Protein backbone atom coordinates (compact mmCIF):
# COMPACT_ATOMS: atom_id res chain seq x y z
CA MET A 1 -148.08 188.50 -135.39
CA GLY A 2 -145.93 187.48 -138.40
CA ALA A 3 -145.49 184.10 -139.90
CA PRO A 4 -143.01 181.83 -138.12
CA PRO A 5 -139.43 181.75 -139.55
CA LEU A 6 -138.86 179.45 -142.47
CA ILE A 7 -136.50 176.85 -141.74
CA VAL A 8 -134.63 175.07 -144.72
CA LEU A 9 -133.00 171.82 -144.25
CA ARG A 10 -130.46 170.82 -146.77
CA LYS A 11 -128.65 167.50 -147.25
CA GLN A 12 -125.06 167.65 -147.49
CA PRO A 13 -123.73 165.95 -150.79
CA VAL A 14 -121.74 163.01 -150.26
CA ALA A 15 -118.22 163.45 -151.41
CA ILE A 16 -117.56 160.43 -153.45
CA ASN A 17 -114.91 160.45 -156.06
CA VAL A 18 -114.76 157.58 -158.58
CA LYS A 19 -112.08 156.85 -161.26
CA ARG A 20 -112.36 154.24 -163.86
CA VAL A 21 -109.54 151.87 -164.37
CA GLY A 22 -110.22 149.71 -167.34
CA ASN A 23 -113.58 148.02 -166.53
CA LEU A 24 -112.90 148.54 -162.80
CA PHE A 25 -113.31 151.54 -160.46
CA ALA A 26 -111.35 153.13 -157.60
CA ALA A 27 -112.93 155.46 -155.13
CA THR A 28 -112.28 157.93 -152.30
CA VAL A 29 -114.68 159.27 -149.80
CA THR A 30 -113.70 162.45 -147.77
CA PRO A 31 -114.84 163.65 -144.47
CA PRO A 32 -117.28 164.71 -143.14
CA HIS A 33 -118.96 162.16 -145.32
CA GLY A 34 -118.59 158.48 -145.01
CA ARG A 35 -119.06 158.40 -141.37
CA GLY A 36 -116.59 161.14 -140.79
CA SER A 37 -113.39 159.61 -141.85
CA PHE A 38 -111.26 159.33 -145.13
CA TRP A 39 -111.79 155.93 -146.89
CA SER A 40 -110.31 154.71 -150.17
CA THR A 41 -110.22 151.66 -152.22
CA SER A 42 -106.83 149.77 -151.98
CA GLU A 43 -107.18 148.60 -155.63
CA PRO A 44 -109.65 149.05 -158.43
CA LEU A 45 -112.86 146.84 -157.91
CA GLU A 46 -115.69 145.64 -159.94
CA ALA A 47 -118.71 148.28 -159.80
CA TRP A 48 -121.01 145.89 -157.75
CA VAL A 49 -118.17 145.23 -155.23
CA LEU A 50 -117.56 149.06 -154.93
CA ILE A 51 -121.23 149.65 -154.53
CA GLN A 52 -121.51 147.09 -151.62
CA LYS A 53 -118.31 148.47 -149.94
CA LEU A 54 -119.35 152.12 -150.01
CA ARG A 55 -122.78 151.26 -148.89
CA ASP A 56 -122.07 148.65 -146.22
CA GLU A 57 -118.62 149.77 -144.91
CA VAL A 58 -118.61 153.53 -145.52
CA GLY A 59 -122.41 154.24 -144.99
CA CYS A 60 -123.01 155.92 -148.51
CA HIS A 61 -126.39 155.87 -150.05
CA THR A 62 -126.75 153.82 -153.25
CA THR A 63 -128.07 156.72 -155.26
CA ASP A 64 -125.02 158.96 -154.30
CA ILE A 65 -122.79 156.08 -155.28
CA THR A 66 -124.47 155.32 -158.71
CA ASP A 67 -124.40 159.13 -159.33
CA ALA A 68 -120.77 159.13 -158.90
CA LEU A 69 -120.29 156.17 -161.21
CA TYR A 70 -122.38 157.72 -163.80
CA ASP A 71 -120.38 161.06 -163.62
CA GLU A 72 -117.18 159.25 -164.20
CA ASP A 73 -118.65 156.74 -166.82
CA PRO A 74 -122.09 157.02 -168.14
CA PHE A 75 -121.91 153.40 -169.39
CA TRP A 76 -120.53 151.98 -166.20
CA SER A 77 -123.42 149.43 -165.82
CA ASN A 78 -123.19 148.15 -169.32
CA ARG A 79 -119.37 147.73 -168.91
CA SER A 80 -119.33 145.99 -165.59
CA GLY A 81 -122.73 144.75 -164.92
CA THR A 82 -124.29 144.37 -161.46
CA ALA A 83 -124.99 140.81 -161.28
CA GLY A 84 -123.42 140.38 -157.87
CA LEU A 85 -125.29 143.39 -156.32
CA LYS A 86 -127.39 142.34 -153.41
CA ASP A 87 -129.99 144.68 -151.74
């Protein structure tokens, strides 16, 4: 008998798009990510507020959120700080 078939599970990337607006950030999350519905900020937010909203309201993982922030602005944490971020 041969070896059992190899099953590869791949995590779908979270489609988080972040745009810097001054020292604030706007974001959109597109389906099927973010609990399957489109989500967008109504106005630019401080980074820590955006992180909390994406994590708590949309269901995004903190690592995916900070990756999107770093893609948009490698110095986002220096510029905006994360003093209000709660685990």
